[in-house]
Amino acid sequence: MAKRFLSENNIAFEEINIDAQPDAIDWLKEQGFQSVPVITSEATTVVGFRPDQLKQLAS
């Protein structure tokens, strides 16, 4: 859902698939995240599908 939301709202993103890149799981754990998706930008981090917060990434 998050990926579709970002695409439909023309918000650029890079997908990191934790199944294909298991080292990404280590990074997520080190940062204290326990669920996905985790969407990060320079200014904010959004955990889970949160359309209200994801819209802020477009600005």
PDB file of N, CA and C in Angstrom:
ATOM      1  N   MET A   1       0.808  -1.194   0.000  1.00  0.00           N
ATOM      2  CA  MET A   1       0.000   0.000   0.000  1.00  0.00           C
ATOM      3  C   MET A   1       0.853   1.259   0.000  1.00  0.00           C
ATOM      4  N   ALA A   2       1.921   1.265   0.775  1.00  0.00           N
ATOM      5  CA  ALA A   2       2.778   2.452   0.839  1.00  0.00           C
ATOM      6  C   ALA A   2       3.432   2.710  -0.511  1.00  0.00           C
ATOM      7  N   LYS A   3       3.905   1.661  -1.146  1.00  0.00           N
ATOM      8  CA  LYS A   3       4.561   1.796  -2.448  1.00  0.00           C
ATOM      9  C   LYS A   3       3.587   2.375  -3.473  1.00  0.00           C
ATOM     10  N   ARG A   4       2.368   1.860  -3.487  1.00  0.00           N
ATOM     11  CA  ARG A   4       1.358   2.361  -4.427  1.00  0.00           C
ATOM     12  C   ARG A   4       1.028   3.821  -4.120  1.00  0.00           C
ATOM     13  N   PHE A   5       0.880   4.148  -2.841  1.00  0.00           N
ATOM     14  CA  PHE A   5       0.576   5.524  -2.448  1.00  0.00           C
ATOM     15  C   PHE A   5       1.673   6.473  -2.929  1.00  0.00           C
ATOM     16  N   LEU A   6       2.920   6.113  -2.700  1.00  0.00           N
ATOM     17  CA  LEU A   6       4.029   6.964  -3.123  1.00  0.00           C
ATOM     18  C   LEU A   6       4.033   7.138  -4.635  1.00  0.00           C
ATOM     19  N   SER A   7       3.827   6.052  -5.376  1.00  0.00           N
ATOM     20  CA  SER A   7       3.803   6.124  -6.840  1.00  0.00           C
ATOM     21  C   SER A   7       2.654   6.991  -7.334  1.00  0.00           C
ATOM     22  N   GLU A   8       1.455   6.765  -6.795  1.00  0.00           N
ATOM     23  CA  GLU A   8       0.278   7.516  -7.234  1.00  0.00           C
ATOM     24  C   GLU A   8       0.385   8.999  -6.914  1.00  0.00           C
ATOM     25  N   ASN A   9       1.164   9.354  -5.918  1.00  0.00           N
ATOM     26  CA  ASN A   9       1.334  10.749  -5.536  1.00  0.00           C
ATOM     27  C   ASN A   9       2.648  11.336  -6.034  1.00  0.00           C
ATOM     28  N   ASN A  10       3.281  10.635  -6.978  1.00  0.00           N
ATOM     29  CA  ASN A  10       4.523  11.097  -7.606  1.00  0.00           C
ATOM     30  C   ASN A  10       5.598  11.471  -6.594  1.00  0.00           C
ATOM     31  N   ILE A  11       5.721  10.643  -5.566  1.00  0.00           N
ATOM     32  CA  ILE A  11       6.758  10.835  -4.561  1.00  0.00           C
ATOM     33  C   ILE A  11       7.874   9.840  -4.870  1.00  0.00           C
ATOM     34  N   ALA A  12       9.051  10.351  -5.175  1.00  0.00           N
ATOM     35  CA  ALA A  12      10.177   9.489  -5.531  1.00  0.00           C
ATOM     36  C   ALA A  12      10.594   8.648  -4.328  1.00  0.00           C
ATOM     37  N   PHE A  13      10.952   7.399  -4.600  1.00  0.00           N
ATOM     38  CA  PHE A  13      11.400   6.519  -3.525  1.00  0.00           C
ATOM     39  C   PHE A  13      12.314   5.445  -4.082  1.00  0.00           C
ATOM     40  N   GLU A  14      13.097   4.874  -3.201  1.00  0.00           N
ATOM     41  CA  GLU A  14      13.941   3.725  -3.527  1.00  0.00           C
ATOM     42  C   GLU A  14      13.469   2.579  -2.651  1.00  0.00           C
ATOM     43  N   GLU A  15      13.089   1.488  -3.290  1.00  0.00           N
ATOM     44  CA  GLU A  15      12.613   0.331  -2.540  1.00  0.00           C
ATOM     45  C   GLU A  15      13.790  -0.552  -2.144  1.00  0.00           C
ATOM     46  N   ILE A  16      13.834  -0.939  -0.890  1.00  0.00           N
ATOM     47  CA  ILE A  16      14.822  -1.900  -0.409  1.00  0.00           C
ATOM     48  C   ILE A  16      14.044  -3.091   0.112  1.00  0.00           C
ATOM     49  N   ASN A  17      14.167  -4.201  -0.575  1.00  0.00           N
ATOM     50  CA  ASN A  17      13.441  -5.419  -0.231  1.00  0.00           C
ATOM     51  C   ASN A  17      14.255  -6.198   0.794  1.00  0.00           C
ATOM     52  N   ILE A  18      13.730  -6.340   2.000  1.00  0.00           N
ATOM     53  CA  ILE A  18      14.498  -7.006   3.056  1.00  0.00           C
ATOM     54  C   ILE A  18      14.659  -8.498   2.796  1.00  0.00           C
ATOM     55  N   ASP A  19      13.813  -9.077   1.943  1.00  0.00           N
ATOM     56  CA  ASP A  19      14.000 -10.482   1.576  1.00  0.00           C
ATOM     57  C   ASP A  19      15.209 -10.642   0.657  1.00  0.00           C
ATOM     58  N   ALA A  20      15.417  -9.662  -0.220  1.00  0.00           N
ATOM     59  CA  ALA A  20      16.535  -9.714  -1.157  1.00  0.00           C
ATOM     60  C   ALA A  20      17.816  -9.135  -0.560  1.00  0.00           C
ATOM     61  N   GLN A  21      17.683  -8.270   0.450  1.00  0.00           N
ATOM     62  CA  GLN A  21      18.837  -7.622   1.073  1.00  0.00           C
ATOM     63  C   GLN A  21      18.757  -7.797   2.588  1.00  0.00           C
ATOM     64  N   PRO A  22      19.090  -8.980   3.083  1.00  0.00           N
ATOM     65  CA  PRO A  22      18.955  -9.253   4.516  1.00  0.00           C
ATOM     66  C   PRO A  22      19.758  -8.319   5.420  1.00  0.00           C
ATOM     67  N   ASP A  23      20.825  -7.714   4.906  1.00  0.00           N
ATOM     68  CA  ASP A  23      21.587  -6.776   5.730  1.00  0.00           C
ATOM     69  C   ASP A  23      20.754  -5.554   6.097  1.00  0.00           C
ATOM     70  N   ALA A  24      19.726  -5.276   5.316  1.00  0.00           N
ATOM     71  CA  ALA A  24      18.833  -4.164   5.634  1.00  0.00           C
ATOM     72  C   ALA A  24      18.067  -4.442   6.927  1.00  0.00           C
ATOM     73  N   ILE A  25      17.793  -5.708   7.212  1.00  0.00           N
ATOM     74  CA  ILE A  25      17.115  -6.072   8.462  1.00  0.00           C
ATOM     75  C   ILE A  25      17.972  -5.663   9.655  1.00  0.00           C
ATOM     76  N   ASP A  26      19.268  -5.905   9.557  1.00  0.00           N
ATOM     77  CA  ASP A  26      20.171  -5.514  10.647  1.00  0.00           C
ATOM     78  C   ASP A  26      20.116  -4.011  10.886  1.00  0.00           C
ATOM     79  N   TRP A  27      20.136  -3.235   9.796  1.00  0.00           N
ATOM     80  CA  TRP A  27      20.072  -1.779   9.930  1.00  0.00           C
ATOM     81  C   TRP A  27      18.767  -1.364  10.603  1.00  0.00           C
ATOM     82  N   LEU A  28      17.645  -1.948  10.175  1.00  0.00           N
ATOM     83  CA  LEU A  28      16.350  -1.614  10.772  1.00  0.00           C
ATOM     84  C   LEU A  28      16.347  -1.904  12.268  1.00  0.00           C
ATOM     85  N   LYS A  29      16.880  -3.070  12.643  1.00  0.00           N
ATOM     86  CA  LYS A  29      16.932  -3.436  14.061  1.00  0.00           C
ATOM     87  C   LYS A  29      17.826  -2.486  14.849  1.00  0.00           C
ATOM     88  N   GLU A  30      18.979  -2.122  14.270  1.00  0.00           N
ATOM     89  CA  GLU A  30      19.892  -1.192  14.937  1.00  0.00           C
ATOM     90  C   GLU A  30      19.234   0.161  15.181  1.00  0.00           C
ATOM     91  N   GLN A  31      18.345   0.558  14.278  1.00  0.00           N
ATOM     92  CA  GLN A  31      17.647   1.837  14.407  1.00  0.00           C
ATOM     93  C   GLN A  31      16.436   1.747  15.330  1.00  0.00           C
ATOM     94  N   GLY A  32      16.105   0.532  15.762  1.00  0.00           N
ATOM     95  CA  GLY A  32      14.995   0.348  16.690  1.00  0.00           C
ATOM     96  C   GLY A  32      13.655   0.054  16.043  1.00  0.00           C
ATOM     97  N   PHE A  33      13.645  -0.151  14.733  1.00  0.00           N
ATOM     98  CA  PHE A  33      12.396  -0.440  14.038  1.00  0.00           C
ATOM     99  C   PHE A  33      12.055  -1.912  14.183  1.00  0.00           C
ATOM    100  N   GLN A  34      10.766  -2.193  14.365  1.00  0.00           N
ATOM    101  CA  GLN A  34      10.326  -3.572  14.541  1.00  0.00           C
ATOM    102  C   GLN A  34       9.300  -3.997  13.507  1.00  0.00           C
ATOM    103  N   SER A  35       8.945  -3.096  12.601  1.00  0.00           N
ATOM    104  CA  SER A  35       7.976  -3.436  11.568  1.00  0.00           C
ATOM    105  C   SER A  35       8.322  -2.687  10.288  1.00  0.00           C
ATOM    106  N   VAL A  36       7.717  -3.100   9.213  1.00  0.00           N
ATOM    107  CA  VAL A  36       7.888  -2.449   7.920  1.00  0.00           C
ATOM    108  C   VAL A  36       6.513  -2.087   7.388  1.00  0.00           C
ATOM    109  N   PRO A  37       6.386  -1.138   6.508  1.00  0.00           N
ATOM    110  CA  PRO A  37       7.472  -0.420   5.863  1.00  0.00           C
ATOM    111  C   PRO A  37       8.043   0.682   6.755  1.00  0.00           C
ATOM    112  N   VAL A  38       9.286   1.017   6.457  1.00  0.00           N
ATOM    113  CA  VAL A  38       9.936   2.171   7.065  1.00  0.00           C
ATOM    114  C   VAL A  38      10.324   3.084   5.912  1.00  0.00           C
ATOM    115  N   ILE A  39       9.774   4.274   5.904  1.00  0.00           N
ATOM    116  CA  ILE A  39      10.053   5.234   4.846  1.00  0.00           C
ATOM    117  C   ILE A  39      10.826   6.375   5.482  1.00  0.00           C
ATOM    118  N   THR A  40      12.027   6.619   4.974  1.00  0.00           N
ATOM    119  CA  THR A  40      12.862   7.679   5.536  1.00  0.00           C
ATOM    120  C   THR A  40      13.148   8.740   4.488  1.00  0.00           C
ATOM    121  N   SER A  41      13.312   9.950   4.948  1.00  0.00           N
ATOM    122  CA  SER A  41      13.780  11.054   4.122  1.00  0.00           C
ATOM    123  C   SER A  41      14.756  11.842   4.982  1.00  0.00           C
ATOM    124  N   GLU A  42      15.286  12.902   4.435  1.00  0.00           N
ATOM    125  CA  GLU A  42      16.224  13.712   5.218  1.00  0.00           C
ATOM    126  C   GLU A  42      15.547  14.311   6.447  1.00  0.00           C
ATOM    127  N   ALA A  43      14.253  14.599   6.336  1.00  0.00           N
ATOM    128  CA  ALA A  43      13.567  15.323   7.403  1.00  0.00           C
ATOM    129  C   ALA A  43      12.715  14.455   8.318  1.00  0.00           C
ATOM    130  N   THR A  44      12.299  13.284   7.856  1.00  0.00           N
ATOM    131  CA  THR A  44      11.334  12.517   8.639  1.00  0.00           C
ATOM    132  C   THR A  44      11.457  11.017   8.402  1.00  0.00           C
ATOM    133  N   THR A  45      10.884  10.258   9.312  1.00  0.00           N
ATOM    134  CA  THR A  45      10.778   8.809   9.174  1.00  0.00           C
ATOM    135  C   THR A  45       9.334   8.426   9.448  1.00  0.00           C
ATOM    136  N   VAL A  46       8.785   7.602   8.563  1.00  0.00           N
ATOM    137  CA  VAL A  46       7.415   7.127   8.707  1.00  0.00           C
ATOM    138  C   VAL A  46       7.471   5.612   8.833  1.00  0.00           C
ATOM    139  N   VAL A  47       6.864   5.079   9.885  1.00  0.00           N
ATOM    140  CA  VAL A  47       6.821   3.633  10.091  1.00  0.00           C
ATOM    141  C   VAL A  47       5.384   3.180   9.883  1.00  0.00           C
ATOM    142  N   GLY A  48       5.206   2.210   8.994  1.00  0.00           N
ATOM    143  CA  GLY A  48       3.865   1.732   8.679  1.00  0.00           C
ATOM    144  C   GLY A  48       3.251   2.554   7.566  1.00  0.00           C
ATOM    145  N   PHE A  49       2.056   2.166   7.158  1.00  0.00           N
ATOM    146  CA  PHE A  49       1.348   2.893   6.112  1.00  0.00           C
ATOM    147  C   PHE A  49       0.556   4.018   6.753  1.00  0.00           C
ATOM    148  N   ARG A  50       1.089   5.223   6.659  1.00  0.00           N
ATOM    149  CA  ARG A  50       0.489   6.409   7.277  1.00  0.00           C
ATOM    150  C   ARG A  50       0.302   7.483   6.204  1.00  0.00           C
ATOM    151  N   PRO A  51      -0.791   7.424   5.431  1.00  0.00           N
ATOM    152  CA  PRO A  51      -0.988   8.382   4.342  1.00  0.00           C
ATOM    153  C   PRO A  51      -0.868   9.834   4.778  1.00  0.00           C
ATOM    154  N   ASP A  52      -1.346  10.155   5.978  1.00  0.00           N
ATOM    155  CA  ASP A  52      -1.262  11.528   6.461  1.00  0.00           C
ATOM    156  C   ASP A  52       0.184  11.996   6.555  1.00  0.00           C
ATOM    157  N   GLN A  53       1.067  11.125   7.008  1.00  0.00           N
ATOM    158  CA  GLN A  53       2.479  11.481   7.126  1.00  0.00           C
ATOM    159  C   GLN A  53       3.197  11.360   5.789  1.00  0.00           C
ATOM    160  N   LEU A  54       2.800  10.403   4.968  1.00  0.00           N
ATOM    161  CA  LEU A  54       3.444  10.233   3.669  1.00  0.00           C
ATOM    162  C   LEU A  54       3.198  11.433   2.764  1.00  0.00           C
ATOM    163  N   LYS A  55       2.045  12.068   2.876  1.00  0.00           N
ATOM    164  CA  LYS A  55       1.749  13.252   2.063  1.00  0.00           C
ATOM    165  C   LYS A  55       2.757  14.360   2.324  1.00  0.00           C
ATOM    166  N   GLN A  56       3.285  14.435   3.531  1.00  0.00           N
ATOM    167  CA  GLN A  56       4.268  15.467   3.863  1.00  0.00           C
ATOM    168  C   GLN A  56       5.557  15.287   3.068  1.00  0.00           C
ATOM    169  N   LEU A  57       5.837  14.074   2.619  1.00  0.00           N
ATOM    170  CA  LEU A  57       7.053  13.833   1.847  1.00  0.00           C
ATOM    171  C   LEU A  57       6.983  14.483   0.470  1.00  0.00           C
ATOM    172  N   ALA A  58       5.776  14.751  -0.011  1.00  0.00           N
ATOM    173  CA  ALA A  58       5.609  15.350  -1.329  1.00  0.00           C
ATOM    174  C   ALA A  58       5.981  16.825  -1.335  1.00  0.00           C
ATOM    175  N   SER A  59       5.959  17.450  -0.185  1.00  0.00           N
ATOM    176  CA  SER A  59       6.231  18.896  -0.148  1.00  0.00           C
ATOM    177  C   SER A  59       7.688  19.200   0.056  1.00  0.00           C
TER     178      SER A  59
END
